Amino acid sequence: MRKLLCALYSALAYVLFLGVFLYAVGFVENLIVPKSIDSGASGPVALSLLIDAALLLLFAVQHSVMARAGFKRLWTRVVPAEIERSTYVVFASLALALVCWQWRPLPQPVWSIEEPIAAKALLALSWSGWGMVLLSTFLISHFHLFGLSQGFARLLGRRLPQPQFVTPFVYRWIRHPLYAGFILAFWATPHMSLGHLFFAVATTGYIFVGIWLEERDLTAYFGDRYRQYRATVGSLVPRVRLAAPRKPVVR
């Protein structure tokens, strides 16, 4: 019964994540959803910025603290290890849902690009960012990342493999394509409002903090192998290597 309940819990956590994530895409893109980043009644700028900052800070703290190894060791004394990741996904999804629900819009325009080709190019760039996010999760095991593999492991009689250091496809050129995709998705817009700009700046700042925390954990786990990877592969953009000038040959 415990195996079945854990599997069911993981499946429900994944469905919750999927629904909230798809809503968040529409929220950022101002598309389809009833409340987007620029919709709704606007209030005083200072108060709106304070509320939005508090929402993003809550998401950042939850996302970072619950992902740390020390917290996981304590947390698994309360929550079964096989659903620890799914529980993390539940809390992260609820924090993101709260951001979308309580966000205070600041519709004051920062830039607006009306030229059709340029506007479409920016939208295409933004959607390519979301595509990179999705692709990155599958390259590093999508179902393990969101807790399904762990939740179903015992029910299916499988033993989860130990984490392996691999660099599939785009990971050969950049270390954090998932984060790079988010940055593209958040910044590439033909119509940038003050609220959207604040969201983009704050989330990009948090991404750099997340990269620092994640790389610290990866270095502690994989050691010199990850240090060498970090030294040769760019973080968010491919690293350009300039060929050393050849020495003249004296004959």
Protein backbone atom coordinates (compact mmCIF):
# COMPACT_ATOMS: atom_id res chain seq x y z
CA MET A 1 0.00 0.00 0.00
CA ARG A 2 2.86 2.41 0.79
CA LYS A 3 4.39 1.76 -2.63
CA LEU A 4 1.09 2.52 -4.34
CA LEU A 5 0.46 5.67 -2.30
CA CYS A 6 3.96 6.99 -2.99
CA ALA A 7 3.52 6.41 -6.71
CA LEU A 8 0.12 8.10 -6.69
CA TYR A 9 1.48 11.05 -4.70
CA SER A 10 4.33 11.49 -7.18
CA ALA A 11 1.93 11.40 -10.12
CA LEU A 12 -0.34 14.02 -8.52
CA ALA A 13 2.68 16.21 -7.71
CA TYR A 14 3.75 16.02 -11.35
CA VAL A 15 0.26 16.93 -12.59
CA LEU A 16 0.26 19.92 -10.22
CA PHE A 17 3.66 21.02 -11.48
CA LEU A 18 2.62 20.65 -15.12
CA GLY A 19 -0.53 22.72 -14.65
CA VAL A 20 1.26 25.50 -12.75
CA PHE A 21 4.19 25.56 -15.18
CA LEU A 22 1.94 25.86 -18.23
CA TYR A 23 0.02 28.65 -16.49
CA ALA A 24 3.34 30.37 -15.71
CA VAL A 25 4.30 30.28 -19.39
CA GLY A 26 1.04 32.00 -20.27
CA PHE A 27 1.58 34.39 -17.35
CA VAL A 28 4.97 35.54 -18.65
CA GLU A 29 3.90 35.61 -22.30
CA ASN A 30 0.60 37.45 -21.57
CA LEU A 31 -1.20 34.66 -23.38
CA ILE A 32 -4.54 32.88 -22.76
CA VAL A 33 -4.44 32.79 -18.93
CA PRO A 34 -6.95 34.97 -17.00
CA LYS A 35 -4.23 36.79 -15.02
CA SER A 36 -0.88 37.54 -16.65
CA ILE A 37 2.17 39.54 -15.71
CA ASP A 38 0.67 42.75 -17.18
CA SER A 39 -3.07 42.21 -16.58
CA GLY A 40 -5.22 43.42 -13.71
CA ALA A 41 -5.64 46.70 -11.89
CA SER A 42 -2.39 48.51 -11.15
CA GLY A 43 -1.68 50.07 -7.76
CA PRO A 44 1.01 52.36 -6.32
CA VAL A 45 4.40 51.56 -7.83
CA ALA A 46 6.29 51.28 -4.52
CA LEU A 47 3.69 48.99 -2.91
CA SER A 48 3.44 46.82 -6.02
CA LEU A 49 7.23 46.44 -6.20
CA LEU A 50 7.35 45.51 -2.51
CA ILE A 51 4.66 42.83 -2.89
CA ASP A 52 6.20 41.42 -6.07
CA ALA A 53 9.65 41.34 -4.47
CA ALA A 54 8.26 39.47 -1.44
CA LEU A 55 6.58 36.90 -3.72
CA LEU A 56 9.75 36.27 -5.68
CA LEU A 57 11.84 36.13 -2.51
CA LEU A 58 9.51 33.50 -1.04
CA PHE A 59 9.84 31.42 -4.20
CA ALA A 60 13.63 31.81 -4.23
CA VAL A 61 14.07 30.84 -0.57
CA GLN A 62 11.83 27.78 -0.92
CA HIS A 63 13.50 26.73 -4.15
CA SER A 64 17.04 27.05 -2.83
CA VAL A 65 16.70 25.86 0.77
CA MET A 66 14.73 22.71 -0.02
CA ALA A 67 17.23 21.76 -2.74
CA ARG A 68 20.24 21.71 -0.43
CA ALA A 69 21.66 18.38 0.73
CA GLY A 70 21.62 19.35 4.41
CA PHE A 71 17.93 20.20 4.30
CA LYS A 72 17.17 16.95 2.48
CA ARG A 73 18.89 14.92 5.20
CA LEU A 74 16.67 16.53 7.83
CA TRP A 75 13.54 16.51 5.67
CA THR A 76 13.72 12.78 4.92
CA ARG A 77 13.36 12.09 8.64
CA VAL A 78 9.80 13.35 8.20
CA VAL A 79 9.03 12.61 4.56
CA PRO A 80 9.82 9.19 3.00
CA ALA A 81 12.90 9.39 0.79
CA GLU A 82 11.04 8.12 -2.28
CA ILE A 83 8.70 11.13 -2.27
CA GLU A 84 11.17 13.76 -1.07
CA ARG A 85 11.63 15.11 -4.59
CA SER A 86 7.89 15.08 -5.30
CA THR A 87 7.29 17.03 -2.08
CA TYR A 88 9.85 19.57 -3.22
CA VAL A 89 7.97 19.80 -6.54
CA VAL A 90 4.67 20.37 -4.67
CA PHE A 91 6.09 23.23 -2.58
CA ALA A 92 7.82 24.79 -5.60
CA SER A 93 4.62 24.59 -7.65
CA LEU A 94 2.58 26.19 -4.86
CA ALA A 95 5.14 28.99 -4.48
CA LEU A 96 5.05 29.64 -8.22
CA ALA A 97 1.24 29.56 -8.23
CA LEU A 98 1.25 32.16 -5.45
CA VAL A 99 3.49 34.43 -7.55
CA CYS A 100 1.11 34.21 -10.51
CA TRP A 101 -1.97 34.67 -8.32
CA GLN A 102 -0.84 37.61 -6.19
CA TRP A 103 1.43 39.40 -8.69
CA ARG A 104 0.82 43.15 -8.84
CA PRO A 105 1.08 44.42 -12.43
CA LEU A 106 3.09 47.49 -13.35
CA PRO A 107 2.00 48.13 -16.95
CA GLN A 108 4.09 51.26 -17.50
CA PRO A 109 5.94 50.65 -20.81
CA VAL A 110 9.73 50.37 -20.83
CA TRP A 111 10.05 49.51 -24.50
CA SER A 112 7.63 48.58 -27.25
CA ILE A 113 8.72 47.26 -30.63
CA GLU A 114 6.03 47.69 -33.27
CA GLU A 115 8.03 46.66 -36.34
CA PRO A 116 6.41 43.29 -37.23
CA ILE A 117 9.51 41.31 -38.17
CA ALA A 118 11.49 42.43 -35.12
CA ALA A 119 8.53 41.75 -32.81
CA LYS A 120 8.02 38.27 -34.23
CA ALA A 121 11.75 37.57 -33.95
CA LEU A 122 11.69 38.44 -30.24
CA LEU A 123 8.63 36.26 -29.67
CA ALA A 124 10.32 33.39 -31.50
CA LEU A 125 13.40 33.87 -29.32
CA SER A 126 11.25 33.79 -26.19
CA TRP A 127 9.50 30.58 -27.24
CA SER A 128 12.84 29.02 -28.17
CA GLY A 129 13.85 29.72 -24.57
CA TRP A 130 10.86 27.74 -23.28
CA GLY A 131 11.78 24.99 -25.73
CA MET A 132 15.33 24.93 -24.37
CA VAL A 133 13.97 24.65 -20.83
CA LEU A 134 11.87 21.63 -21.77
CA LEU A 135 14.64 20.00 -23.78
CA SER A 136 17.13 20.46 -20.94
CA THR A 137 14.89 18.63 -18.46
CA PHE A 138 14.65 15.60 -20.74
CA LEU A 139 18.40 15.59 -21.40
CA ILE A 140 19.05 15.31 -17.64
CA SER A 141 16.17 12.90 -16.90
CA HIS A 142 12.87 14.78 -16.84
CA PHE A 143 10.98 12.24 -14.73
CA HIS A 144 13.74 12.00 -12.12
CA LEU A 145 13.95 15.80 -11.91
CA PHE A 146 10.26 16.02 -11.04
CA GLY A 147 10.10 13.03 -8.70
CA LEU A 148 8.22 10.48 -10.80
CA SER A 149 11.12 8.05 -11.09
CA GLN A 150 11.66 8.05 -7.34
CA GLY A 151 7.96 7.71 -6.53
CA PHE A 152 7.41 4.76 -8.86
CA ALA A 153 10.73 2.97 -8.23
CA ARG A 154 9.55 0.68 -5.43
CA LEU A 155 6.20 -0.01 -7.05
CA LEU A 156 7.95 -1.13 -10.24
CA GLY A 157 10.68 -2.98 -8.37
CA ARG A 158 13.44 -0.80 -9.74
CA ARG A 159 16.57 0.49 -8.04
CA LEU A 160 17.45 4.05 -8.89
CA PRO A 161 20.96 4.43 -10.36
CA GLN A 162 23.53 6.67 -8.75
CA PRO A 163 23.89 10.11 -10.37
CA GLN A 164 26.26 9.99 -13.31
CA PHE A 165 28.22 12.87 -14.78
CA VAL A 166 27.13 13.18 -18.41
CA THR A 167 27.05 16.06 -20.90
CA PRO A 168 24.39 15.20 -23.51
CA PHE A 169 23.82 17.38 -26.57
CA VAL A 170 23.65 21.07 -25.61
CA TYR A 171 25.42 20.40 -22.29
CA ARG A 172 28.58 19.94 -24.34
CA TRP A 173 28.56 23.67 -25.09
CA ILE A 174 26.89 25.30 -22.08
CA ARG A 175 26.68 24.09 -18.50
CA HIS A 176 23.23 25.48 -17.70
CA PRO A 177 21.00 25.44 -20.80
CA LEU A 178 17.90 25.25 -18.59
CA TYR A 179 18.75 28.56 -16.95
CA ALA A 180 19.76 30.06 -20.30
CA GLY A 181 16.35 29.10 -21.64
CA PHE A 182 14.59 30.85 -18.78
CA ILE A 183 16.60 34.03 -19.37
CA LEU A 184 15.66 34.03 -23.05
CA ALA A 185 12.01 33.41 -22.22
CA PHE A 186 11.88 36.21 -19.65
CA TRP A 187 13.76 38.91 -21.57
CA ALA A 188 12.84 38.40 -25.22
CA THR A 189 9.60 40.33 -25.55
CA PRO A 190 8.56 43.08 -27.96
CA HIS A 191 6.56 44.83 -25.22
CA MET A 192 8.41 45.20 -21.93
CA SER A 193 6.47 46.70 -19.03
CA LEU A 194 7.94 47.92 -15.76
CA GLY A 195 6.52 44.89 -13.95
CA HIS A 196 7.88 42.48 -16.54
CA LEU A 197 11.28 44.17 -16.35
CA PHE A 198 11.32 43.84 -12.57
CA PHE A 199 10.37 40.16 -12.90
CA ALA A 200 13.12 39.57 -15.47
CA VAL A 201 15.80 41.38 -13.45
CA ALA A 202 14.88 39.64 -10.18
CA THR A 203 14.63 36.16 -11.66
CA THR A 204 17.88 36.57 -13.60
CA GLY A 205 19.62 37.63 -10.39
CA TYR A 206 18.22 34.56 -8.66
CA ILE A 207 19.39 32.37 -11.55
CA PHE A 208 22.98 33.50 -10.95
CA VAL A 209 22.61 32.70 -7.24
CA GLY A 210 21.14 29.31 -8.18
CA ILE A 211 24.05 28.61 -10.51
CA TRP A 212 26.52 29.36 -7.73
CA LEU A 213 24.71 27.06 -5.27
CA GLU A 214 24.23 24.29 -7.83
CA GLU A 215 27.85 24.36 -8.98
CA ARG A 216 29.05 24.24 -5.40
CA ASP A 217 27.01 21.07 -4.87
CA LEU A 218 28.12 19.53 -8.17
CA THR A 219 31.77 20.25 -7.43
CA ALA A 220 31.44 18.66 -3.99
CA TYR A 221 29.83 15.55 -5.52
CA PHE A 222 31.84 15.06 -8.73
CA GLY A 223 35.11 16.75 -7.70
CA ASP A 224 37.80 17.35 -10.32
CA ARG A 225 35.65 16.02 -13.13
CA TYR A 226 33.20 18.87 -12.70
CA ARG A 227 35.98 21.39 -12.12
CA GLN A 228 37.45 20.47 -15.50
CA TYR A 229 34.02 20.74 -17.13
CA ARG A 230 33.50 24.16 -15.58
CA ALA A 231 36.89 25.31 -16.79
CA THR A 232 36.25 24.37 -20.41
CA VAL A 233 32.51 24.90 -20.96
CA GLY A 234 30.65 28.21 -20.70
CA SER A 235 27.97 28.72 -18.07
CA LEU A 236 25.10 30.31 -20.06
CA VAL A 237 26.66 30.88 -23.48
CA PRO A 238 29.21 28.81 -25.40
CA ARG A 239 32.78 29.68 -24.60
CA VAL A 240 34.66 31.10 -27.56
CA ARG A 241 38.14 29.70 -27.88
CA LEU A 242 40.57 31.76 -29.83
CA ALA A 243 43.32 29.82 -31.51
CA ALA A 244 46.78 30.69 -30.25
CA PRO A 245 48.87 32.52 -32.85
CA ARG A 246 51.34 30.29 -34.61
CA LYS A 247 54.98 31.02 -34.12
CA PRO A 248 56.81 31.95 -37.30
CA VAL A 249 58.98 29.19 -38.68
CA VAL A 250 62.56 30.26 -39.38
CA ARG A 251 64.11 28.37 -42.27
